[in-house]
Amino acid sequence: MIEKLHIIQQRFDEVSDLIIQPDIIADQKRYVQLNKEYKDLSNLVAKIKSYKTLLSNLEEAEQLLKEEKDEEMLAMAKMEVEEAKESIPALEEEIKFLLIPKDPEDAKNVVIEIRAGTGGDEASIFAGDLYRM
């Protein structure tokens, strides 16, 4: 998973470099496409950075637990290990959710027709309730 996250980070850096180039800005269609990709990747990259920070904090705290003799430092390191172990799985799930490819049809509009159909007044009331929802 770390390798995939690294690839995404590289693509984000590449896109952020591309959107400031004058020839890309001149081509509005490409510029809009890159801006949309940049916006989509920025949320994921923020989660990746916090994930990497948590992993490094966990590693440092575990190293402190092995080497440190001071009781206060040991208590702080234990607390940091506990916090990191609680936060990492939730953050991993968020990242996995963000890694799911978006459906290209999601950005399009849709028209829905709501009819009462057969069923008399109850069907009409249900159609009205459905419309208000």
Protein backbone atom coordinates (compact mmCIF):
# COMPACT_ATOMS: atom_id res chain seq x y z
CA MET A 1 0.00 0.00 0.00
CA ILE A 2 2.89 2.36 0.74
CA GLU A 3 4.18 2.02 -2.83
CA LYS A 4 0.78 2.93 -4.27
CA LEU A 5 0.60 5.94 -1.96
CA HIS A 6 4.06 6.99 -3.09
CA ILE A 7 2.94 6.80 -6.74
CA ILE A 8 -0.08 8.96 -5.95
CA GLN A 9 2.15 11.49 -4.18
CA GLN A 10 4.39 11.64 -7.26
CA ARG A 11 1.39 12.19 -9.55
CA PHE A 12 0.15 14.98 -7.28
CA ASP A 13 3.56 16.68 -7.44
CA GLU A 14 3.60 16.27 -11.21
CA VAL A 15 0.12 17.77 -11.61
CA SER A 16 0.95 20.66 -9.29
CA ASP A 17 3.98 21.43 -11.45
CA LEU A 18 1.98 21.15 -14.67
CA ILE A 19 -0.84 23.52 -13.73
CA ILE A 20 1.55 26.45 -13.32
CA GLN A 21 3.13 26.10 -16.75
CA PRO A 22 2.09 28.82 -19.25
CA ASP A 23 1.44 26.43 -22.16
CA ILE A 24 -0.97 24.39 -20.00
CA ILE A 25 -2.76 27.54 -18.83
CA ALA A 26 -3.19 28.57 -22.48
CA ASP A 27 -4.95 25.26 -23.24
CA GLN A 28 -8.08 25.78 -21.12
CA LYS A 29 -9.48 22.28 -21.64
CA ARG A 30 -6.28 20.64 -20.36
CA TYR A 31 -5.97 23.22 -17.58
CA VAL A 32 -9.49 22.50 -16.29
CA GLN A 33 -8.83 18.76 -16.44
CA LEU A 34 -5.57 19.11 -14.48
CA ASN A 35 -7.19 21.41 -11.91
CA LYS A 36 -9.94 18.86 -11.32
CA GLU A 37 -7.34 16.10 -10.91
CA TYR A 38 -5.33 18.31 -8.55
CA LYS A 39 -8.41 18.95 -6.41
CA ASP A 40 -9.27 15.25 -6.28
CA LEU A 41 -5.72 14.27 -5.33
CA SER A 42 -5.20 17.02 -2.75
CA ASN A 43 -7.59 15.45 -0.21
CA LEU A 44 -5.97 12.04 -0.66
CA VAL A 45 -2.46 13.48 -0.37
CA ALA A 46 -3.37 15.22 2.90
CA LYS A 47 -4.51 11.86 4.31
CA ILE A 48 -1.33 10.21 3.01
CA LYS A 49 0.84 12.80 4.77
CA SER A 50 -0.95 12.31 8.07
CA TYR A 51 -0.69 8.52 7.62
CA LYS A 52 3.06 8.73 7.03
CA THR A 53 3.42 11.04 10.03
CA LEU A 54 1.55 8.57 12.24
CA LEU A 55 3.75 5.70 11.03
CA SER A 56 6.94 7.63 11.71
CA ASN A 57 5.67 8.69 15.16
CA LEU A 58 4.84 5.08 15.95
CA GLU A 59 8.29 3.96 14.84
CA GLU A 60 10.01 6.66 16.91
CA ALA A 61 7.93 5.84 19.98
CA GLU A 62 8.68 2.13 19.68
CA GLN A 63 12.37 2.96 19.35
CA LEU A 64 12.14 5.09 22.50
CA LEU A 65 10.50 2.21 24.36
CA LYS A 66 13.48 0.00 23.55
CA GLU A 67 16.20 2.51 24.42
CA GLU A 68 14.86 4.92 27.04
CA LYS A 69 15.40 4.48 30.78
CA ASP A 70 13.51 7.55 32.04
CA GLU A 71 10.05 6.67 33.38
CA GLU A 72 8.38 9.85 32.12
CA MET A 73 9.72 9.34 28.60
CA LEU A 74 8.61 5.71 28.69
CA ALA A 75 5.10 6.75 29.73
CA MET A 76 4.95 9.34 26.94
CA ALA A 77 6.19 6.81 24.40
CA LYS A 78 3.61 4.23 25.52
CA MET A 79 0.87 6.82 25.22
CA GLU A 80 2.04 7.78 21.75
CA VAL A 81 2.15 4.13 20.65
CA GLU A 82 -1.41 3.61 21.89
CA GLU A 83 -2.68 6.73 20.11
CA ALA A 84 -0.98 5.77 16.86
CA LYS A 85 -2.28 2.21 16.98
CA GLU A 86 -5.81 3.55 17.47
CA SER A 87 -5.57 6.13 14.69
CA ILE A 88 -3.77 4.14 11.98
CA PRO A 89 -6.54 1.60 11.15
CA ALA A 90 -9.19 4.32 10.81
CA LEU A 91 -6.92 6.39 8.60
CA GLU A 92 -6.09 3.32 6.49
CA GLU A 93 -9.81 2.75 5.92
CA GLU A 94 -10.28 6.39 4.86
CA ILE A 95 -7.39 6.10 2.43
CA LYS A 96 -8.72 2.83 1.00
CA PHE A 97 -12.09 4.49 0.49
CA LEU A 98 -10.45 7.44 -1.29
CA LEU A 99 -8.47 5.05 -3.51
CA ILE A 100 -11.64 3.58 -4.99
CA PRO A 101 -11.81 4.89 -8.57
CA LYS A 102 -14.53 7.43 -9.19
CA ASP A 103 -17.26 6.62 -11.71
CA PRO A 104 -17.03 9.06 -14.64
CA GLU A 105 -20.83 9.20 -14.71
CA ASP A 106 -20.96 10.64 -11.16
CA ALA A 107 -20.31 14.18 -12.34
CA LYS A 108 -23.23 14.18 -14.77
CA ASN A 109 -26.77 15.36 -14.06
CA VAL A 110 -29.78 13.08 -13.98
CA VAL A 111 -33.52 13.48 -14.57
CA ILE A 112 -35.92 11.38 -12.51
CA GLU A 113 -39.65 11.09 -13.18
CA ILE A 114 -41.85 10.29 -10.20
CA ARG A 115 -45.36 9.06 -10.95
CA ALA A 116 -48.13 7.85 -8.72
CA GLY A 117 -48.94 4.83 -10.91
CA THR A 118 -51.72 2.50 -9.79
CA GLY A 119 -52.78 2.48 -6.18
CA GLY A 120 -55.06 5.46 -5.88
CA ASP A 121 -54.59 8.15 -3.27
CA GLU A 122 -51.94 6.24 -1.34
CA ALA A 123 -49.72 6.05 -4.41
CA SER A 124 -50.13 9.78 -4.99
CA ILE A 125 -49.27 10.55 -1.38
CA PHE A 126 -46.20 8.30 -1.58
CA ALA A 127 -45.08 9.99 -4.83
CA GLY A 128 -45.46 13.38 -3.14
CA ASP A 129 -43.46 12.22 -0.11
CA LEU A 130 -40.78 10.79 -2.37
CA TYR A 131 -40.55 14.08 -4.27
CA ARG A 132 -40.16 16.06 -1.05
CA MET A 133 -37.39 13.73 0.14
